Amino acid sequence: MKTHSQRLLPGDDLYLELLSLAREWPAACLLSCVGSLRVLSLRLAGAEQEEVHQGPFEILSLSGTCCPSGLHLHICVADKEGQVMGGHLKPGSIIETTAEIVVGILDDTCFTREADGETGYLELVVKKASRASH
């Protein structure tokens, strides 16, 4: 496994920055993310629509998978009273001061997201990658 470490900047959209970076990674996972958000956009479990919350929020954790065909990320944040919330990270999550990310890029693995008839979502498909595909 290789790693990619980067600081994302104030005003960046956390989701869109990771989506842009993921275009370079056949298969990756978030190892660490710390920072803060001024706006949080997330979809709660079982919900159809996203919710947008005004911060500030501290990022407590961010985990998930990344590939050129999409992201599946779960975030957990705390507000200024220490109340915690989390769900699926969505576009529109704007960084307040920083987001320090460490990503693991998986060797010999390729992720794709394909429609799943049972769940109705684009779900992760894991394949062995040939060296020629890197």
N, C-alpha and C. Protein backbone atom coordinates (compact mmCIF):
# COMPACT_ATOMS: atom_id res chain seq x y z
N MET A 1 0.84 -1.18 0.00
CA MET A 1 0.00 0.00 0.00
C MET A 1 0.89 1.24 0.00
N LYS A 2 0.52 2.17 -0.85
CA LYS A 2 1.15 3.48 -0.86
C LYS A 2 0.23 4.42 -0.10
N THR A 3 0.75 5.58 0.26
CA THR A 3 -0.08 6.57 0.94
C THR A 3 0.00 7.91 0.23
N HIS A 4 -1.04 8.70 0.43
CA HIS A 4 -1.08 10.08 -0.05
C HIS A 4 -1.51 10.93 1.14
N SER A 5 -0.73 11.95 1.45
CA SER A 5 -1.04 12.86 2.56
C SER A 5 -1.14 14.27 2.00
N GLN A 6 -2.14 15.01 2.49
CA GLN A 6 -2.35 16.35 1.96
C GLN A 6 -3.18 17.17 2.94
N ARG A 7 -2.93 18.46 2.95
CA ARG A 7 -3.78 19.40 3.69
C ARG A 7 -4.71 20.08 2.70
N LEU A 8 -6.01 19.94 2.94
CA LEU A 8 -7.00 20.67 2.16
C LEU A 8 -7.25 22.01 2.85
N LEU A 9 -7.65 23.00 2.08
CA LEU A 9 -7.63 24.39 2.55
C LEU A 9 -9.01 24.94 2.90
N PRO A 10 -9.02 26.05 3.68
CA PRO A 10 -10.29 26.70 3.99
C PRO A 10 -11.06 27.03 2.71
N GLY A 11 -12.36 26.75 2.73
CA GLY A 11 -13.21 27.01 1.58
C GLY A 11 -13.32 25.86 0.60
N ASP A 12 -12.41 24.89 0.68
CA ASP A 12 -12.50 23.71 -0.18
C ASP A 12 -13.72 22.88 0.21
N ASP A 13 -14.31 22.23 -0.78
CA ASP A 13 -15.38 21.27 -0.54
C ASP A 13 -14.72 19.92 -0.29
N LEU A 14 -14.82 19.41 0.92
CA LEU A 14 -14.13 18.17 1.31
C LEU A 14 -14.47 17.02 0.37
N TYR A 15 -15.75 16.83 0.10
CA TYR A 15 -16.18 15.72 -0.77
C TYR A 15 -15.62 15.89 -2.19
N LEU A 16 -15.78 17.07 -2.76
CA LEU A 16 -15.35 17.28 -4.15
C LEU A 16 -13.84 17.20 -4.30
N GLU A 17 -13.09 17.65 -3.29
CA GLU A 17 -11.63 17.52 -3.34
C GLU A 17 -11.21 16.05 -3.33
N LEU A 18 -11.86 15.25 -2.48
CA LEU A 18 -11.54 13.83 -2.44
C LEU A 18 -11.96 13.14 -3.73
N LEU A 19 -13.09 13.52 -4.29
CA LEU A 19 -13.54 12.95 -5.56
C LEU A 19 -12.54 13.26 -6.67
N SER A 20 -12.03 14.47 -6.70
CA SER A 20 -11.03 14.85 -7.70
C SER A 20 -9.75 14.04 -7.55
N LEU A 21 -9.29 13.89 -6.31
CA LEU A 21 -8.08 13.10 -6.06
C LEU A 21 -8.30 11.63 -6.41
N ALA A 22 -9.51 11.11 -6.16
CA ALA A 22 -9.80 9.69 -6.37
C ALA A 22 -9.71 9.29 -7.83
N ARG A 23 -9.79 10.23 -8.73
CA ARG A 23 -9.66 9.90 -10.16
C ARG A 23 -8.30 9.31 -10.49
N GLU A 24 -7.33 9.55 -9.60
CA GLU A 24 -5.97 9.04 -9.80
C GLU A 24 -5.72 7.70 -9.12
N TRP A 25 -6.69 7.23 -8.32
CA TRP A 25 -6.48 6.04 -7.50
C TRP A 25 -7.41 4.92 -7.93
N PRO A 26 -6.87 3.79 -8.42
CA PRO A 26 -7.75 2.66 -8.77
C PRO A 26 -8.52 2.11 -7.58
N ALA A 27 -7.92 2.19 -6.39
CA ALA A 27 -8.57 1.72 -5.16
C ALA A 27 -7.88 2.41 -3.98
N ALA A 28 -8.68 3.08 -3.15
CA ALA A 28 -8.10 3.79 -2.00
C ALA A 28 -9.07 3.78 -0.84
N CYS A 29 -8.52 4.02 0.36
CA CYS A 29 -9.35 4.14 1.56
C CYS A 29 -8.81 5.27 2.41
N LEU A 30 -9.70 5.92 3.13
CA LEU A 30 -9.29 7.00 4.03
C LEU A 30 -8.70 6.38 5.29
N LEU A 31 -7.48 6.75 5.61
CA LEU A 31 -6.83 6.28 6.83
C LEU A 31 -7.02 7.27 7.98
N SER A 32 -7.04 8.56 7.64
CA SER A 32 -7.18 9.58 8.67
C SER A 32 -7.66 10.88 8.05
N CYS A 33 -8.46 11.60 8.80
CA CYS A 33 -8.84 12.96 8.43
C CYS A 33 -9.17 13.71 9.71
N VAL A 34 -8.47 14.80 9.94
CA VAL A 34 -8.78 15.69 11.05
C VAL A 34 -8.87 17.10 10.50
N GLY A 35 -9.74 17.88 11.11
CA GLY A 35 -9.91 19.25 10.65
C GLY A 35 -11.24 19.79 11.12
N SER A 36 -11.75 20.76 10.35
CA SER A 36 -13.01 21.39 10.73
C SER A 36 -13.80 21.76 9.48
N LEU A 37 -15.12 21.86 9.67
CA LEU A 37 -16.03 22.25 8.60
C LEU A 37 -16.84 23.46 9.04
N ARG A 38 -17.09 24.37 8.10
CA ARG A 38 -18.02 25.48 8.37
C ARG A 38 -19.42 25.11 7.94
N VAL A 39 -19.53 24.18 6.96
CA VAL A 39 -20.81 23.66 6.51
C VAL A 39 -20.67 22.15 6.37
N LEU A 40 -21.67 21.42 6.84
CA LEU A 40 -21.69 19.97 6.73
C LEU A 40 -22.91 19.56 5.91
N SER A 41 -22.66 18.79 4.86
CA SER A 41 -23.74 18.21 4.06
C SER A 41 -23.63 16.71 4.19
N LEU A 42 -24.71 16.09 4.69
CA LEU A 42 -24.67 14.64 4.87
C LEU A 42 -26.04 14.04 4.62
N ARG A 43 -26.03 12.74 4.37
CA ARG A 43 -27.27 11.98 4.26
C ARG A 43 -27.28 10.99 5.41
N LEU A 44 -28.33 11.05 6.20
CA LEU A 44 -28.48 10.14 7.34
C LEU A 44 -28.92 8.76 6.86
N ALA A 45 -28.72 7.76 7.70
CA ALA A 45 -29.09 6.38 7.37
C ALA A 45 -30.57 6.31 7.01
N GLY A 46 -30.87 5.70 5.88
CA GLY A 46 -32.24 5.50 5.44
C GLY A 46 -32.92 6.72 4.85
N ALA A 47 -32.26 7.87 4.87
CA ALA A 47 -32.86 9.10 4.34
C ALA A 47 -32.68 9.17 2.83
N GLU A 48 -33.61 9.82 2.18
CA GLU A 48 -33.53 10.02 0.74
C GLU A 48 -32.79 11.31 0.39
N GLN A 49 -32.95 12.33 1.23
CA GLN A 49 -32.38 13.65 0.95
C GLN A 49 -31.23 13.96 1.89
N GLU A 50 -30.35 14.83 1.40
CA GLU A 50 -29.26 15.31 2.23
C GLU A 50 -29.74 16.40 3.17
N GLU A 51 -29.02 16.57 4.27
CA GLU A 51 -29.24 17.66 5.21
C GLU A 51 -28.01 18.55 5.18
N VAL A 52 -28.22 19.85 5.31
CA VAL A 52 -27.11 20.80 5.37
C VAL A 52 -27.16 21.47 6.74
N HIS A 53 -26.02 21.47 7.43
CA HIS A 53 -25.91 22.05 8.77
C HIS A 53 -24.80 23.10 8.76
N GLN A 54 -25.06 24.22 9.43
CA GLN A 54 -24.05 25.28 9.56
C GLN A 54 -23.19 24.99 10.79
N GLY A 55 -21.88 25.12 10.64
CA GLY A 55 -20.93 24.82 11.70
C GLY A 55 -20.70 26.01 12.61
N PRO A 56 -19.59 25.97 13.29
CA PRO A 56 -18.43 25.14 13.02
C PRO A 56 -18.56 23.72 13.58
N PHE A 57 -17.86 22.78 12.91
CA PHE A 57 -17.80 21.39 13.34
C PHE A 57 -16.35 20.93 13.34
N GLU A 58 -15.99 20.13 14.33
CA GLU A 58 -14.71 19.43 14.33
C GLU A 58 -14.92 18.07 13.68
N ILE A 59 -14.04 17.69 12.76
CA ILE A 59 -14.10 16.37 12.15
C ILE A 59 -13.48 15.38 13.14
N LEU A 60 -14.28 14.44 13.61
CA LEU A 60 -13.80 13.42 14.54
C LEU A 60 -13.28 12.21 13.79
N SER A 61 -13.95 11.87 12.69
CA SER A 61 -13.48 10.75 11.86
C SER A 61 -14.10 10.87 10.48
N LEU A 62 -13.40 10.31 9.52
CA LEU A 62 -13.88 10.19 8.15
C LEU A 62 -13.31 8.87 7.64
N SER A 63 -14.18 8.00 7.19
CA SER A 63 -13.72 6.72 6.68
C SER A 63 -14.49 6.35 5.43
N GLY A 64 -13.90 5.49 4.63
CA GLY A 64 -14.60 5.03 3.44
C GLY A 64 -13.66 4.65 2.32
N THR A 65 -14.28 4.39 1.17
CA THR A 65 -13.55 3.95 -0.01
C THR A 65 -13.65 4.98 -1.12
N CYS A 66 -12.59 5.01 -1.94
CA CYS A 66 -12.48 5.98 -3.03
C CYS A 66 -12.00 5.27 -4.28
N CYS A 67 -12.59 5.63 -5.42
CA CYS A 67 -12.13 5.13 -6.71
C CYS A 67 -12.61 6.08 -7.79
N PRO A 68 -12.13 5.95 -9.02
CA PRO A 68 -12.54 6.87 -10.07
C PRO A 68 -14.05 6.92 -10.31
N SER A 69 -14.75 5.82 -10.02
CA SER A 69 -16.20 5.81 -10.27
C SER A 69 -17.02 6.29 -9.08
N GLY A 70 -16.37 6.71 -7.99
CA GLY A 70 -17.14 7.29 -6.90
C GLY A 70 -16.54 7.09 -5.53
N LEU A 71 -17.20 7.71 -4.56
CA LEU A 71 -16.78 7.67 -3.15
C LEU A 71 -17.91 7.09 -2.31
N HIS A 72 -17.54 6.44 -1.22
CA HIS A 72 -18.50 6.06 -0.18
C HIS A 72 -17.83 6.41 1.13
N LEU A 73 -18.24 7.56 1.69
CA LEU A 73 -17.57 8.10 2.87
C LEU A 73 -18.57 8.35 3.99
N HIS A 74 -18.19 7.97 5.20
CA HIS A 74 -18.97 8.26 6.40
C HIS A 74 -18.15 9.23 7.25
N ILE A 75 -18.84 10.25 7.77
CA ILE A 75 -18.17 11.26 8.58
C ILE A 75 -18.85 11.35 9.95
N CYS A 76 -18.06 11.67 10.94
CA CYS A 76 -18.55 11.94 12.29
C CYS A 76 -17.95 13.27 12.71
N VAL A 77 -18.81 14.20 13.17
CA VAL A 77 -18.37 15.53 13.58
C VAL A 77 -18.98 15.90 14.92
N ALA A 78 -18.37 16.88 15.57
CA ALA A 78 -18.92 17.43 16.81
C ALA A 78 -19.12 18.93 16.63
N ASP A 79 -20.23 19.44 17.15
CA ASP A 79 -20.49 20.88 17.08
C ASP A 79 -19.83 21.58 18.27
N LYS A 80 -20.06 22.89 18.41
CA LYS A 80 -19.38 23.66 19.46
C LYS A 80 -19.86 23.32 20.86
N GLU A 81 -20.99 22.59 20.99
CA GLU A 81 -21.43 22.11 22.30
C GLU A 81 -20.98 20.67 22.56
N GLY A 82 -20.27 20.08 21.61
CA GLY A 82 -19.81 18.71 21.77
C GLY A 82 -20.82 17.66 21.32
N GLN A 83 -21.94 18.12 20.76
CA GLN A 83 -22.93 17.17 20.23
C GLN A 83 -22.37 16.54 18.95
N VAL A 84 -22.54 15.23 18.84
CA VAL A 84 -21.96 14.47 17.74
C VAL A 84 -23.05 14.05 16.76
N MET A 85 -22.72 14.14 15.47
CA MET A 85 -23.61 13.63 14.44
C MET A 85 -22.76 13.04 13.32
N GLY A 86 -23.39 12.21 12.53
CA GLY A 86 -22.66 11.60 11.43
C GLY A 86 -23.58 11.02 10.40
N GLY A 87 -22.99 10.64 9.28
CA GLY A 87 -23.72 10.04 8.17
C GLY A 87 -22.84 9.99 6.94
N HIS A 88 -23.47 9.88 5.78
CA HIS A 88 -22.76 9.86 4.50
C HIS A 88 -22.32 11.27 4.14
N LEU A 89 -21.02 11.50 3.96
CA LEU A 89 -20.52 12.79 3.53
C LEU A 89 -21.00 13.08 2.11
N LYS A 90 -21.48 14.29 1.88
CA LYS A 90 -21.99 14.70 0.57
C LYS A 90 -21.32 16.00 0.12
N PRO A 91 -21.41 16.30 -1.18
CA PRO A 91 -20.89 17.58 -1.67
C PRO A 91 -21.55 18.75 -0.93
N GLY A 92 -20.78 19.81 -0.78
CA GLY A 92 -21.28 20.98 -0.05
C GLY A 92 -20.76 21.04 1.37
N SER A 93 -19.86 20.12 1.74
CA SER A 93 -19.22 20.13 3.06
C SER A 93 -17.96 20.98 2.95
N ILE A 94 -18.02 22.19 3.48
CA ILE A 94 -16.98 23.20 3.26
C ILE A 94 -16.03 23.28 4.45
N ILE A 95 -14.75 23.21 4.16
CA ILE A 95 -13.71 23.23 5.19
C ILE A 95 -13.60 24.61 5.82
N GLU A 96 -13.52 24.63 7.16
CA GLU A 96 -13.36 25.87 7.92
C GLU A 96 -11.90 26.30 7.96
N THR A 97 -11.04 25.53 8.64
CA THR A 97 -9.63 25.91 8.76
C THR A 97 -8.69 24.95 8.06
N THR A 98 -8.99 23.67 8.11
CA THR A 98 -8.11 22.68 7.51
C THR A 98 -8.82 21.34 7.45
N ALA A 99 -8.33 20.46 6.59
CA ALA A 99 -8.66 19.03 6.62
C ALA A 99 -7.38 18.32 6.23
N GLU A 100 -6.78 17.66 7.18
CA GLU A 100 -5.53 16.94 6.96
C GLU A 100 -5.89 15.49 6.67
N ILE A 101 -5.63 15.04 5.45
CA ILE A 101 -6.04 13.70 5.04
C ILE A 101 -4.83 12.80 4.82
N VAL A 102 -5.01 11.54 5.16
CA VAL A 102 -4.05 10.49 4.81
C VAL A 102 -4.87 9.38 4.16
N VAL A 103 -4.48 9.02 2.95
CA VAL A 103 -5.20 8.06 2.14
C VAL A 103 -4.28 6.87 1.86
N GLY A 104 -4.82 5.67 1.97
CA GLY A 104 -4.10 4.46 1.59
C GLY A 104 -4.52 4.07 0.18
N ILE A 105 -3.53 3.92 -0.72
CA ILE A 105 -3.79 3.52 -2.09
C ILE A 105 -3.39 2.05 -2.21
N LEU A 106 -4.36 1.21 -2.53
CA LEU A 106 -4.18 -0.24 -2.46
C LEU A 106 -3.53 -0.77 -3.73
N ASP A 107 -2.44 -1.50 -3.54
CA ASP A 107 -1.73 -2.12 -4.65
C ASP A 107 -2.52 -3.32 -5.17
N ASP A 108 -2.45 -3.55 -6.47
CA ASP A 108 -3.04 -4.73 -7.10
C ASP A 108 -4.54 -4.88 -6.86
N THR A 109 -5.23 -3.77 -6.60
CA THR A 109 -6.67 -3.80 -6.37
C THR A 109 -7.32 -2.69 -7.19
N CYS A 110 -8.51 -2.99 -7.69
CA CYS A 110 -9.28 -2.00 -8.44
C CYS A 110 -10.70 -1.99 -7.89
N PHE A 111 -11.18 -0.81 -7.50
CA PHE A 111 -12.56 -0.65 -7.05
C PHE A 111 -13.38 -0.03 -8.18
N THR A 112 -14.61 -0.45 -8.29
CA THR A 112 -15.59 0.24 -9.12
C THR A 112 -16.88 0.31 -8.31
N ARG A 113 -17.78 1.15 -8.74
CA ARG A 113 -19.10 1.25 -8.13
C ARG A 113 -20.11 0.92 -9.22
N GLU A 114 -20.90 -0.11 -8.97
CA GLU A 114 -21.86 -0.58 -9.96
C GLU A 114 -23.24 -0.69 -9.32
N ALA A 115 -24.26 -0.47 -10.15
CA ALA A 115 -25.65 -0.54 -9.68
C ALA A 115 -25.93 -1.93 -9.13
N ASP A 116 -26.55 -1.96 -7.95
CA ASP A 116 -26.93 -3.20 -7.31
C ASP A 116 -28.45 -3.27 -7.28
N GLY A 117 -29.02 -4.27 -7.95
CA GLY A 117 -30.46 -4.41 -8.04
C GLY A 117 -31.13 -4.64 -6.70
N GLU A 118 -30.41 -5.24 -5.77
CA GLU A 118 -31.00 -5.54 -4.46
C GLU A 118 -31.07 -4.30 -3.58
N THR A 119 -29.99 -3.49 -3.56
CA THR A 119 -29.97 -2.33 -2.67
C THR A 119 -30.48 -1.05 -3.34
N GLY A 120 -30.37 -0.99 -4.66
CA GLY A 120 -30.74 0.22 -5.38
C GLY A 120 -29.67 1.29 -5.39
N TYR A 121 -28.50 0.98 -4.84
CA TYR A 121 -27.39 1.92 -4.79
C TYR A 121 -26.26 1.46 -5.68
N LEU A 122 -25.33 2.39 -5.96
CA LEU A 122 -24.07 2.01 -6.58
C LEU A 122 -23.21 1.40 -5.48
N GLU A 123 -22.89 0.13 -5.62
CA GLU A 123 -22.16 -0.59 -4.57
C GLU A 123 -20.75 -0.92 -5.03
N LEU A 124 -19.87 -1.12 -4.05
CA LEU A 124 -18.47 -1.41 -4.30
C LEU A 124 -18.29 -2.79 -4.93
N VAL A 125 -17.46 -2.83 -5.99
CA VAL A 125 -17.03 -4.08 -6.60
C VAL A 125 -15.52 -4.08 -6.52
N VAL A 126 -14.94 -5.13 -5.94
CA VAL A 126 -13.50 -5.23 -5.74
C VAL A 126 -12.95 -6.24 -6.72
N LYS A 127 -11.92 -5.83 -7.46
CA LYS A 127 -11.28 -6.72 -8.43
C LYS A 127 -9.78 -6.67 -8.23
N LYS A 128 -9.14 -7.73 -8.64
CA LYS A 128 -7.67 -7.75 -8.66
C LYS A 128 -7.23 -6.96 -9.87
N ALA A 129 -6.31 -6.05 -9.69
CA ALA A 129 -5.83 -5.20 -10.78
C ALA A 129 -4.56 -5.80 -11.37
N SER A 130 -4.46 -5.74 -12.67
CA SER A 130 -3.20 -6.16 -13.33
C SER A 130 -2.23 -5.00 -13.25
N ARG A 131 -0.96 -5.29 -13.28
CA ARG A 131 0.05 -4.24 -13.23
C ARG A 131 -0.09 -3.29 -14.41
N ALA A 132 -0.55 -3.79 -15.55
CA ALA A 132 -0.72 -2.96 -16.73
C ALA A 132 -1.77 -1.88 -16.55
N SER A 133 -2.72 -2.07 -15.61
CA SER A 133 -3.79 -1.09 -15.41
C SER A 133 -3.38 0.08 -14.54
N HIS A 134 -2.17 0.06 -13.94
CA HIS A 134 -1.73 1.16 -13.05
C HIS A 134 -1.08 2.24 -13.85
